Amino acid sequence: MYKIYKTKTILNTHKHCDGGWFWDKYSAFPYVGCEWGCEYCYWRDEKYNPHKASRDKKVSEFDDAFSQYIKAKENAPELLKKALKNKPIDLIYLDNYQPIDSQYQYTRKMLEVCFGLGFPVFINEKSPMLLRDIDVLKKINKKSYLNVGWSIITNEDNKIRKIFEPKAPLVQTRFEAMKKLSKDKILTGTVFMPILPFIYDDEKNIEAVIKKTKECGGQYVLDAGLTLWGYCGEYFYKALEKYDSDLVPKYKNLYSNPKLLAEYTIEIHNRVLKYCQKYNLTPYIPRPVSFYPKELQNNKKTAEKFYLEARELQMSGQGGYKEWAYRKGAWALDDLNEDVQKIYQNKGLSGIMQIEGIGKSLADKILKVEKNNNNFIKRR
């Protein structure tokens, strides 16, 4: 069922960019819910999904309102244009190519807004419907920046995939769309999320997905595990029970033991790293910086190193203080309005240490990163 309505706001502005992952500072979505109905989607959880019966009583009429009751924001393009006019240019996460969009085409209209205002775009997509708008996508790519990550968890279109992605487009059509984008010189790759434990985490599947990404012109593979908190966890377990009831206790044992889950996460992430190296793909999305003011681009690239360090610590289960130290250092560099090179040139190491969130250890690492990049201005 579709419902058309007017919303008061459309743009989400995040305190910090999604560092180490998609790099977006903003996000906007023209639809509530998703018709593809993937069983593992964490957007079902109330933390993200505004499909609440307290807001709309019709929600209670559906077995899965998230995939059966889609709400379209008819004023989304106008609101996005109004909101972005007052924002500094930065990366916006913008997508929603699902069946309803073939009728209303709000996604295209929002892309046109981004193009007109010069905003770079990241899209995480499952549908080759995206190619319908290849003309505006090319214009965004030429004017600012475009990255299309394809949500893919397996290389095979079989009965198992249909259990967990019951309505989603065929995987092969996603890879074909990836190849088309690559030929058009648009950055693209695989968002390998989530890697389902004991189902799609074996060497064969991981290598197959990464190899196919390479063959189709993808430049990166970004991996992550399955989220099982709150309602999204409850919902996923129902699908898992139908697939293989013997896996339910294995999942619950894994997800109830933080140490075991951390060890498992490291093992799977290392498999991805191994095959990314084999097929010469980047196991992360390189940070785009060309759309920032020239005097800030160096800060953003140095912050990228810290964000990626924090992500690797997180993925390896070695988070804690060290991970947050890197993350806070990255935030400090991102918020800095003066080129860190000039600070060092004028004030030396002590000047860098005066930046909020940067101590002696991180200041030394900043110098090391800059020197490795061969672009550091020597102190006078």
Protein backbone atom coordinates (compact mmCIF):
# COMPACT_ATOMS: atom_id res chain seq x y z
CA MET A 1 0.00 0.00 0.00
CA TYR A 2 1.19 3.51 -0.85
CA LYS A 3 0.41 6.69 1.03
CA ILE A 4 1.35 10.14 -0.27
CA TYR A 5 1.87 12.87 2.31
CA LYS A 6 3.72 16.09 3.00
CA THR A 7 6.56 16.14 5.49
CA LYS A 8 7.96 19.08 7.45
CA THR A 9 11.64 18.14 7.10
CA ILE A 10 13.71 16.02 4.74
CA LEU A 11 17.41 16.61 5.45
CA ASN A 12 19.33 14.84 8.20
CA THR A 13 22.52 16.65 9.19
CA HIS A 14 24.97 14.51 11.13
CA LYS A 15 27.28 15.98 13.74
CA HIS A 16 30.22 14.18 12.11
CA CYS A 17 30.61 12.52 8.72
CA ASP A 18 30.23 8.76 8.49
CA GLY A 19 34.00 8.43 8.66
CA GLY A 20 35.57 5.21 7.45
CA TRP A 21 32.30 4.00 5.95
CA PHE A 22 30.23 6.02 3.46
CA TRP A 23 31.65 9.50 4.36
CA ASP A 24 28.25 11.21 4.21
CA LYS A 25 27.53 14.32 6.26
CA TYR A 26 23.90 14.57 5.17
CA SER A 27 21.17 12.12 4.26
CA ALA A 28 17.68 12.42 2.79
CA PHE A 29 15.10 9.85 1.75
CA PRO A 30 11.89 10.43 -0.22
CA TYR A 31 10.13 7.29 1.05
CA VAL A 32 9.39 5.68 4.39
CA GLY A 33 9.81 1.90 4.31
CA CYS A 34 11.26 -0.32 1.59
CA GLU A 35 9.40 -2.67 -0.72
CA TRP A 36 12.38 -4.98 -1.18
CA GLY A 37 11.73 -6.28 2.33
CA CYS A 38 15.14 -7.86 2.98
CA GLU A 39 14.85 -9.95 6.12
CA TYR A 40 18.12 -8.72 7.64
CA CYS A 41 17.52 -4.96 7.24
CA TYR A 42 18.28 -3.06 10.44
CA TRP A 43 16.10 -0.15 9.29
CA ARG A 44 13.15 -2.12 10.66
CA ASP A 45 14.25 -1.25 14.17
CA GLU A 46 12.36 1.65 15.73
CA LYS A 47 15.66 3.47 16.23
CA TYR A 48 15.66 4.15 12.47
CA ASN A 49 12.23 3.29 11.13
CA PRO A 50 9.55 5.95 11.72
CA HIS A 51 6.82 3.39 11.01
CA LYS A 52 5.26 3.63 14.46
CA ALA A 53 1.61 2.86 15.23
CA SER A 54 1.58 5.81 17.62
CA ARG A 55 2.13 8.10 14.62
CA ASP A 56 0.03 6.26 12.06
CA LYS A 57 -2.60 3.74 13.15
CA LYS A 58 -2.54 1.97 9.76
CA VAL A 59 0.88 0.55 10.63
CA SER A 60 -0.81 -2.04 12.88
CA GLU A 61 -2.82 -3.41 9.95
CA PHE A 62 0.25 -4.97 8.30
CA ASP A 63 2.36 -8.02 9.12
CA ASP A 64 5.44 -6.04 8.04
CA ALA A 65 4.58 -2.39 7.60
CA PHE A 66 8.21 -1.67 6.71
CA SER A 67 7.86 -3.46 3.35
CA GLN A 68 4.07 -3.41 2.85
CA TYR A 69 3.15 0.19 3.73
CA ILE A 70 5.28 2.68 1.80
CA LYS A 71 4.85 6.39 2.44
CA ALA A 72 6.00 8.91 -0.17
CA LYS A 73 7.01 12.46 0.75
CA GLU A 74 5.55 14.43 -2.14
CA ASN A 75 7.30 17.68 -1.15
CA ALA A 76 10.70 16.02 -0.63
CA PRO A 77 12.48 17.65 -3.61
CA GLU A 78 11.28 21.15 -2.68
CA LEU A 79 12.25 20.71 0.97
CA LEU A 80 15.66 19.33 0.01
CA LYS A 81 16.39 22.33 -2.20
CA LYS A 82 15.39 24.72 0.54
CA ALA A 83 17.46 22.90 3.18
CA LEU A 84 20.63 22.52 1.12
CA LYS A 85 20.71 26.17 0.09
CA ASN A 86 21.79 27.05 3.62
CA LYS A 87 24.30 24.22 4.09
CA PRO A 88 28.01 24.02 3.27
CA ILE A 89 28.68 21.60 0.44
CA ASP A 90 29.38 18.09 1.69
CA LEU A 91 28.49 14.51 0.80
CA ILE A 92 24.83 13.52 0.93
CA TYR A 93 23.52 9.96 1.18
CA LEU A 94 20.59 9.93 -1.21
CA ASP A 95 18.75 6.95 -2.68
CA ASN A 96 15.55 4.90 -2.72
CA TYR A 97 15.14 3.16 -6.05
CA GLN A 98 12.25 0.85 -5.21
CA PRO A 99 9.05 0.07 -7.17
CA ILE A 100 7.16 3.14 -5.93
CA ASP A 101 9.82 5.38 -7.49
CA SER A 102 8.94 4.19 -10.99
CA GLN A 103 5.63 5.99 -10.45
CA TYR A 104 6.67 9.15 -8.60
CA GLN A 105 10.38 9.55 -9.48
CA TYR A 106 11.12 11.61 -6.36
CA THR A 107 14.63 10.18 -6.25
CA ARG A 108 15.46 11.67 -9.64
CA LYS A 109 14.06 15.02 -8.62
CA MET A 110 16.20 15.03 -5.49
CA LEU A 111 19.27 14.08 -7.54
CA GLU A 112 18.54 17.03 -9.82
CA VAL A 113 18.48 19.29 -6.75
CA CYS A 114 21.89 17.98 -5.70
CA PHE A 115 23.26 18.57 -9.17
CA GLY A 116 21.89 22.09 -9.36
CA LEU A 117 23.43 23.07 -6.02
CA GLY A 118 26.71 21.20 -6.60
CA PHE A 119 26.33 18.62 -3.82
CA PRO A 120 28.26 15.33 -4.11
CA VAL A 121 26.22 12.15 -3.69
CA PHE A 122 26.63 8.65 -2.29
CA ILE A 123 24.03 6.01 -3.16
CA ASN A 124 23.71 2.56 -1.58
CA GLU A 125 21.52 0.62 -3.94
CA LYS A 126 19.98 -2.75 -4.83
CA SER A 127 17.99 -1.82 -7.92
CA PRO A 128 19.20 -1.42 -11.52
CA MET A 129 16.30 1.06 -11.82
CA LEU A 130 19.02 3.56 -10.93
CA LEU A 131 20.25 3.39 -14.54
CA ARG A 132 17.03 5.13 -15.57
CA ASP A 133 18.63 8.31 -14.26
CA ILE A 134 22.09 7.77 -15.74
CA ASP A 135 21.95 11.18 -17.41
CA VAL A 136 21.68 13.13 -14.15
CA LEU A 137 24.09 10.75 -12.41
CA LYS A 138 26.73 11.49 -15.04
CA LYS A 139 26.21 15.22 -14.54
CA ILE A 140 26.66 14.93 -10.77
CA ASN A 141 29.79 12.86 -11.30
CA LYS A 142 31.26 15.46 -13.63
CA LYS A 143 30.31 18.48 -11.51
CA SER A 144 31.13 17.23 -7.99
CA TYR A 145 31.32 13.53 -7.04
CA LEU A 146 29.21 10.39 -7.26
CA ASN A 147 29.70 6.98 -5.70
CA VAL A 148 27.23 4.10 -6.12
CA GLY A 149 27.71 1.20 -3.74
CA TRP A 150 25.75 -1.95 -4.61
CA SER A 151 24.29 -3.86 -1.68
CA ILE A 152 25.31 -7.47 -2.37
CA ILE A 153 25.61 -10.42 0.02
CA THR A 154 26.13 -13.30 -2.41
CA ASN A 155 27.08 -13.99 -6.00
CA GLU A 156 24.29 -16.52 -6.56
CA ASP A 157 20.63 -15.99 -7.37
CA ASN A 158 19.22 -19.12 -5.75
CA LYS A 159 16.56 -20.19 -3.26
CA ILE A 160 18.72 -19.23 -0.28
CA ARG A 161 19.10 -15.64 -1.41
CA LYS A 162 15.36 -15.42 -2.06
CA ILE A 163 14.72 -16.35 1.56
CA PHE A 164 16.69 -13.39 2.85
CA GLU A 165 16.02 -10.98 -0.04
CA PRO A 166 12.48 -12.07 -1.05
CA LYS A 167 11.65 -9.16 -3.34
CA ALA A 168 15.01 -7.61 -4.17
CA PRO A 169 16.31 -7.49 -7.76
CA LEU A 170 18.55 -10.30 -8.97
CA VAL A 171 22.18 -10.05 -7.90
CA GLN A 172 23.31 -10.42 -11.49
CA THR A 173 21.34 -7.32 -12.51
CA ARG A 174 23.16 -5.38 -9.79
CA PHE A 175 26.53 -6.50 -11.09
CA GLU A 176 25.48 -5.62 -14.64
CA ALA A 177 24.51 -2.13 -13.45
CA MET A 178 27.86 -1.86 -11.66
CA LYS A 179 29.62 -2.66 -14.94
CA LYS A 180 27.60 0.02 -16.76
CA LEU A 181 28.52 2.66 -14.17
CA SER A 182 32.17 1.67 -14.31
CA LYS A 183 32.21 2.07 -18.09
CA ASP A 184 30.77 5.56 -17.57
CA LYS A 185 33.69 6.39 -15.25
CA ILE A 186 31.50 6.52 -12.13
CA LEU A 187 33.00 5.23 -8.89
CA THR A 188 31.22 2.03 -7.88
CA GLY A 189 31.75 -1.06 -5.77
CA THR A 190 30.16 -3.57 -3.41
CA VAL A 191 28.69 -2.86 -0.02
CA PHE A 192 29.08 -6.39 1.36
CA MET A 193 26.64 -5.94 4.23
CA PRO A 194 25.63 -7.87 6.12
CA ILE A 195 27.75 -10.98 5.78
CA LEU A 196 25.34 -13.54 7.25
CA PRO A 197 27.07 -15.91 9.72
CA PHE A 198 27.16 -19.60 8.73
CA ILE A 199 25.29 -18.78 5.49
CA TYR A 200 27.38 -16.41 3.40
CA ASP A 201 30.60 -16.15 5.40
CA ASP A 202 32.49 -19.05 3.78
CA GLU A 203 35.62 -18.56 1.67
CA LYS A 204 33.80 -19.55 -1.53
CA ASN A 205 31.08 -16.91 -1.27
CA ILE A 206 33.39 -14.14 -0.09
CA GLU A 207 35.85 -14.74 -2.91
CA ALA A 208 33.07 -15.03 -5.48
CA VAL A 209 31.53 -11.68 -4.50
CA ILE A 210 34.89 -9.91 -4.51
CA LYS A 211 36.02 -11.50 -7.78
CA LYS A 212 32.75 -10.54 -9.48
CA THR A 213 33.10 -6.99 -8.19
CA LYS A 214 36.50 -6.78 -9.84
CA GLU A 215 35.20 -8.24 -13.11
CA CYS A 216 32.40 -5.66 -13.20
CA GLY A 217 34.66 -2.67 -12.68
CA GLY A 218 34.01 -2.13 -8.98
CA GLN A 219 36.83 -0.43 -7.13
CA TYR A 220 36.10 -1.35 -3.52
CA VAL A 221 34.40 -3.85 -1.22
CA LEU A 222 33.10 -2.52 2.10
CA ASP A 223 32.17 -5.28 4.55
CA ALA A 224 30.27 -5.40 7.83
CA GLY A 225 28.39 -7.88 9.96
CA LEU A 226 24.76 -8.45 10.83
CA THR A 227 22.89 -6.20 13.27
CA LEU A 228 20.55 -8.09 15.59
CA TRP A 229 19.38 -5.55 18.14
CA GLY A 230 15.76 -4.77 18.97
CA TYR A 231 12.92 -5.55 16.61
CA CYS A 232 15.16 -6.09 13.57
CA GLY A 233 16.71 -9.01 15.46
CA GLU A 234 13.33 -10.49 16.34
CA TYR A 235 12.23 -10.20 12.73
CA PHE A 236 15.39 -11.79 11.33
CA TYR A 237 15.16 -14.80 13.63
CA LYS A 238 11.78 -15.67 12.10
CA ALA A 239 13.38 -15.88 8.66
CA LEU A 240 16.34 -17.82 10.04
CA GLU A 241 13.97 -20.32 11.64
CA LYS A 242 12.35 -20.95 8.26
CA TYR A 243 15.71 -21.34 6.55
CA ASP A 244 17.42 -23.60 9.10
CA SER A 245 16.15 -23.85 12.67
CA ASP A 246 19.46 -25.40 13.75
CA LEU A 247 21.16 -22.07 13.10
CA VAL A 248 19.04 -20.17 15.64
CA PRO A 249 20.91 -21.42 18.73
CA LYS A 250 24.25 -20.90 16.93
CA TYR A 251 23.34 -17.28 16.23
CA LYS A 252 22.13 -16.67 19.76
CA ASN A 253 25.30 -18.15 21.19
CA LEU A 254 27.44 -16.00 18.89
CA TYR A 255 25.57 -12.76 19.56
CA SER A 256 25.29 -13.26 23.32
CA ASN A 257 29.06 -13.63 23.72
CA PRO A 258 30.94 -10.36 22.96
CA LYS A 259 34.34 -12.07 22.99
CA LEU A 260 33.21 -14.80 20.59
CA LEU A 261 31.52 -12.25 18.31
CA ALA A 262 34.67 -10.10 18.23
CA GLU A 263 36.83 -13.11 17.29
CA TYR A 264 34.34 -14.12 14.59
CA THR A 265 34.20 -10.56 13.20
CA ILE A 266 37.99 -10.44 12.94
CA GLU A 267 38.08 -13.79 11.11
CA ILE A 268 35.48 -12.77 8.51
CA HIS A 269 36.93 -9.30 8.00
CA ASN A 270 40.36 -10.84 7.42
CA ARG A 271 38.87 -13.07 4.73
CA VAL A 272 37.55 -9.99 2.97
CA LEU A 273 40.92 -8.26 3.28
CA LYS A 274 42.68 -11.32 1.85
CA TYR A 275 40.55 -11.46 -1.28
CA CYS A 276 40.52 -7.69 -1.75
CA GLN A 277 44.30 -7.90 -1.84
CA LYS A 278 44.18 -10.85 -4.24
CA TYR A 279 41.92 -8.99 -6.68
CA ASN A 280 43.48 -5.57 -6.10
CA LEU A 281 40.39 -3.91 -4.64
CA THR A 282 40.24 -1.38 -1.82
CA PRO A 283 38.62 -2.78 1.39
CA TYR A 284 37.13 0.63 2.10
CA ILE A 285 35.71 3.60 0.22
CA PRO A 286 38.42 6.23 -0.34
CA ARG A 287 37.34 9.57 1.08
CA PRO A 288 36.34 12.16 -1.54
CA VAL A 289 37.71 15.65 -0.80
CA SER A 290 37.74 17.57 -4.10
CA PHE A 291 34.51 19.43 -3.30
CA TYR A 292 35.88 20.94 -0.07
CA PRO A 293 37.63 24.34 -0.05
CA LYS A 294 41.22 23.83 -1.18
CA GLU A 295 42.67 24.98 2.16
CA LEU A 296 40.72 22.25 4.00
CA GLN A 297 41.34 19.29 1.70
CA ASN A 298 44.60 18.35 3.38
CA ASN A 299 42.88 18.22 6.78
CA LYS A 300 40.16 15.96 5.37
CA LYS A 301 42.68 13.52 3.86
CA THR A 302 44.64 13.31 7.10
CA ALA A 303 41.39 12.78 9.01
CA GLU A 304 40.64 9.94 6.57
CA LYS A 305 43.67 8.04 7.88
CA PHE A 306 42.40 8.36 11.44
CA TYR A 307 38.85 7.35 10.52
CA LEU A 308 40.15 4.24 8.75
CA GLU A 309 42.37 3.36 11.70
CA ALA A 310 39.32 3.64 13.96
CA ARG A 311 37.28 1.44 11.62
CA GLU A 312 39.94 -1.27 11.51
CA LEU A 313 40.18 -1.25 15.30
CA GLN A 314 36.40 -1.55 15.47
CA MET A 315 36.33 -4.41 12.95
CA SER A 316 39.16 -6.23 14.71
CA GLY A 317 37.43 -6.09 18.08
CA GLN A 318 40.20 -3.90 19.50
CA GLY A 319 38.08 -0.77 19.85
CA GLY A 320 37.87 0.98 23.17
CA TYR A 321 40.07 3.95 24.04
CA LYS A 322 42.41 3.70 21.06
CA GLU A 323 39.57 3.57 18.54
CA TRP A 324 37.93 6.63 20.09
CA ALA A 325 41.20 8.51 20.25
CA TYR A 326 41.57 8.14 16.48
CA ARG A 327 37.93 9.02 15.92
CA LYS A 328 38.11 12.16 18.06
CA GLY A 329 41.31 13.16 16.30
CA ALA A 330 39.54 12.80 12.95
CA TRP A 331 36.64 14.92 14.20
CA ALA A 332 39.06 17.61 15.36
CA LEU A 333 40.74 17.75 11.95
CA ASP A 334 37.38 17.80 10.17
CA ASP A 335 36.19 20.74 12.29
CA LEU A 336 39.43 22.67 11.79
CA ASN A 337 39.05 25.79 9.66
CA GLU A 338 42.79 26.31 9.12
CA ASP A 339 45.15 24.09 7.17
CA VAL A 340 47.07 21.93 9.65
CA GLN A 341 50.16 22.42 7.49
CA LYS A 342 50.08 26.17 8.14
CA ILE A 343 49.60 25.60 11.86
CA TYR A 344 52.73 23.47 11.91
CA GLN A 345 54.61 25.93 9.76
CA ASN A 346 53.83 28.80 12.13
CA LYS A 347 53.74 27.12 15.53
CA GLY A 348 55.37 23.73 15.16
CA LEU A 349 54.28 20.56 16.98
CA SER A 350 53.00 22.57 19.95
CA GLY A 351 50.61 24.36 17.60
CA ILE A 352 49.14 21.08 16.41
CA MET A 353 48.77 19.93 20.02
CA GLN A 354 46.69 23.03 20.73
CA ILE A 355 43.98 21.68 18.40
CA GLU A 356 41.15 20.37 20.56
CA GLY A 357 41.19 16.56 20.60
CA ILE A 358 44.83 16.29 19.48
CA GLY A 359 47.43 15.16 22.02
CA LYS A 360 51.13 14.43 21.60
CA SER A 361 50.58 10.93 20.20
CA LEU A 362 48.07 12.04 17.54
CA ALA A 363 50.14 15.14 16.72
CA ASP A 364 53.12 12.89 15.99
CA LYS A 365 50.90 10.69 13.80
CA ILE A 366 49.68 13.75 11.87
CA LEU A 367 53.27 14.69 11.10
CA LYS A 368 54.02 11.13 10.03
CA VAL A 369 50.98 10.96 7.72
CA GLU A 370 51.85 14.27 6.12
CA LYS A 371 55.48 13.35 5.59
CA ASN A 372 54.47 10.03 4.05
CA ASN A 373 52.24 11.96 1.67
CA ASN A 374 55.27 14.09 0.71
CA ASN A 375 53.20 17.25 0.95
CA PHE A 376 54.12 18.73 4.28
CA ILE A 377 55.37 22.30 4.34
CA LYS A 378 58.66 22.58 6.20
CA ARG A 379 58.76 24.84 9.21
CA ARG A 380 60.37 28.20 8.70
